[in-house]
Amino acid sequence: MSKPPKRISDQLRAAIDASGLSRYRICKELGIDQATMSRFMSGERGLTLKVIDRLGEFLGLTLTQRRQVKRRKGR
């Protein structure tokens, strides 16, 4: 089994692909422009937080923290 993608955008792309739903349907359900989705999926551009929130809710995703980031002294 491979490691999950590290970046949130990569994880979101993977969740979209794994959903079994067409990108067309996702766009129609959420009111997202298909060209915007296509550019996001190809890595050409990002999405607004508003769209990310809607996608996450639609796909049933939650954001969890895997580990605490240790801060160095003096920062």
C-alpha atoms as a PDB file:
ATOM      1  CA  MET A   1       0.000   0.000   0.000  1.00  0.00           C
ATOM      2  CA  SER A   2       1.385   3.408  -0.962  1.00  0.00           C
ATOM      3  CA  LYS A   3       1.689   6.391   1.344  1.00  0.00           C
ATOM      4  CA  PRO A   4      -1.109   8.956   1.157  1.00  0.00           C
ATOM      5  CA  PRO A   5      -0.244  12.185  -0.680  1.00  0.00           C
ATOM      6  CA  LYS A   6       1.169  14.796   1.676  1.00  0.00           C
ATOM      7  CA  ARG A   7      -0.218  18.047   0.298  1.00  0.00           C
ATOM      8  CA  ILE A   8      -3.858  18.831   0.956  1.00  0.00           C
ATOM      9  CA  SER A   9      -4.436  19.661  -2.722  1.00  0.00           C
ATOM     10  CA  ASP A  10      -3.034  16.250  -3.711  1.00  0.00           C
ATOM     11  CA  GLN A  11      -5.267  14.544  -1.161  1.00  0.00           C
ATOM     12  CA  LEU A  12      -8.292  16.431  -2.478  1.00  0.00           C
ATOM     13  CA  ARG A  13      -7.486  15.395  -6.061  1.00  0.00           C
ATOM     14  CA  ALA A  14      -7.144  11.784  -4.923  1.00  0.00           C
ATOM     15  CA  ALA A  15     -10.481  11.960  -3.073  1.00  0.00           C
ATOM     16  CA  ILE A  16     -12.211  13.347  -6.160  1.00  0.00           C
ATOM     17  CA  ASP A  17     -10.791  10.534  -8.292  1.00  0.00           C
ATOM     18  CA  ALA A  18     -11.652   7.894  -5.675  1.00  0.00           C
ATOM     19  CA  SER A  19     -15.215   9.151  -5.183  1.00  0.00           C
ATOM     20  CA  GLY A  20     -16.527   7.235  -8.167  1.00  0.00           C
ATOM     21  CA  LEU A  21     -18.369  10.383  -9.250  1.00  0.00           C
ATOM     22  CA  SER A  22     -17.740  12.135 -12.527  1.00  0.00           C
ATOM     23  CA  ARG A  23     -16.107  15.534 -12.353  1.00  0.00           C
ATOM     24  CA  TYR A  24     -19.085  16.792 -14.368  1.00  0.00           C
ATOM     25  CA  ARG A  25     -21.498  15.675 -11.646  1.00  0.00           C
ATOM     26  CA  ILE A  26     -19.364  17.152  -8.863  1.00  0.00           C
ATOM     27  CA  CYS A  27     -19.194  20.473 -10.713  1.00  0.00           C
ATOM     28  CA  LYS A  28     -22.932  20.524 -11.346  1.00  0.00           C
ATOM     29  CA  GLU A  29     -23.806  19.595  -7.748  1.00  0.00           C
ATOM     30  CA  LEU A  30     -21.541  22.305  -6.298  1.00  0.00           C
ATOM     31  CA  GLY A  31     -21.865  24.967  -8.982  1.00  0.00           C
ATOM     32  CA  ILE A  32     -18.169  24.854  -9.838  1.00  0.00           C
ATOM     33  CA  ASP A  33     -17.029  25.769 -13.342  1.00  0.00           C
ATOM     34  CA  GLN A  34     -15.775  22.674 -15.182  1.00  0.00           C
ATOM     35  CA  ALA A  35     -12.749  24.528 -16.559  1.00  0.00           C
ATOM     36  CA  THR A  36     -11.761  25.536 -13.025  1.00  0.00           C
ATOM     37  CA  MET A  37     -12.042  21.920 -11.871  1.00  0.00           C
ATOM     38  CA  SER A  38     -10.037  20.710 -14.865  1.00  0.00           C
ATOM     39  CA  ARG A  39      -7.224  23.188 -14.183  1.00  0.00           C
ATOM     40  CA  PHE A  40      -7.197  22.208 -10.499  1.00  0.00           C
ATOM     41  CA  MET A  41      -7.061  18.503 -11.301  1.00  0.00           C
ATOM     42  CA  SER A  42      -4.151  19.038 -13.702  1.00  0.00           C
ATOM     43  CA  GLY A  43      -2.268  21.080 -11.093  1.00  0.00           C
ATOM     44  CA  GLU A  44      -2.397  24.286 -13.138  1.00  0.00           C
ATOM     45  CA  ARG A  45      -4.237  26.271 -10.461  1.00  0.00           C
ATOM     46  CA  GLY A  46      -5.641  26.091  -6.974  1.00  0.00           C
ATOM     47  CA  LEU A  47      -9.137  26.482  -5.604  1.00  0.00           C
ATOM     48  CA  THR A  48     -10.560  29.049  -3.227  1.00  0.00           C
ATOM     49  CA  LEU A  49     -11.104  27.994   0.378  1.00  0.00           C
ATOM     50  CA  LYS A  50     -14.840  28.378  -0.186  1.00  0.00           C
ATOM     51  CA  VAL A  51     -14.750  25.788  -3.002  1.00  0.00           C
ATOM     52  CA  ILE A  52     -12.440  23.517  -0.994  1.00  0.00           C
ATOM     53  CA  ASP A  53     -14.899  23.658   1.925  1.00  0.00           C
ATOM     54  CA  ARG A  54     -17.816  22.758  -0.350  1.00  0.00           C
ATOM     55  CA  LEU A  55     -15.880  19.909  -1.989  1.00  0.00           C
ATOM     56  CA  GLY A  56     -14.790  18.553   1.380  1.00  0.00           C
ATOM     57  CA  GLU A  57     -18.331  18.587   2.717  1.00  0.00           C
ATOM     58  CA  PHE A  58     -19.743  17.055  -0.477  1.00  0.00           C
ATOM     59  CA  LEU A  59     -17.166  14.235  -0.445  1.00  0.00           C
ATOM     60  CA  GLY A  60     -17.411  13.684   3.325  1.00  0.00           C
ATOM     61  CA  LEU A  61     -13.806  14.664   4.011  1.00  0.00           C
ATOM     62  CA  THR A  62     -12.323  15.906   7.254  1.00  0.00           C
ATOM     63  CA  LEU A  63      -8.969  17.497   7.938  1.00  0.00           C
ATOM     64  CA  THR A  64      -6.901  15.878  10.674  1.00  0.00           C
ATOM     65  CA  GLN A  65      -3.485  16.648  12.043  1.00  0.00           C
ATOM     66  CA  ARG A  66      -1.053  13.722  12.004  1.00  0.00           C
ATOM     67  CA  ARG A  67       1.665  15.166  14.164  1.00  0.00           C
ATOM     68  CA  GLN A  68       2.578  18.308  16.011  1.00  0.00           C
ATOM     69  CA  VAL A  69       5.140  20.557  14.386  1.00  0.00           C
ATOM     70  CA  LYS A  70       7.946  21.194  16.846  1.00  0.00           C
ATOM     71  CA  ARG A  71       8.973  24.799  17.072  1.00  0.00           C
ATOM     72  CA  ARG A  72      12.542  25.749  17.639  1.00  0.00           C
ATOM     73  CA  LYS A  73      13.427  28.051  20.517  1.00  0.00           C
ATOM     74  CA  GLY A  74      13.898  31.691  19.655  1.00  0.00           C
ATOM     75  CA  ARG A  75      11.176  31.830  17.005  1.00  0.00           C
END
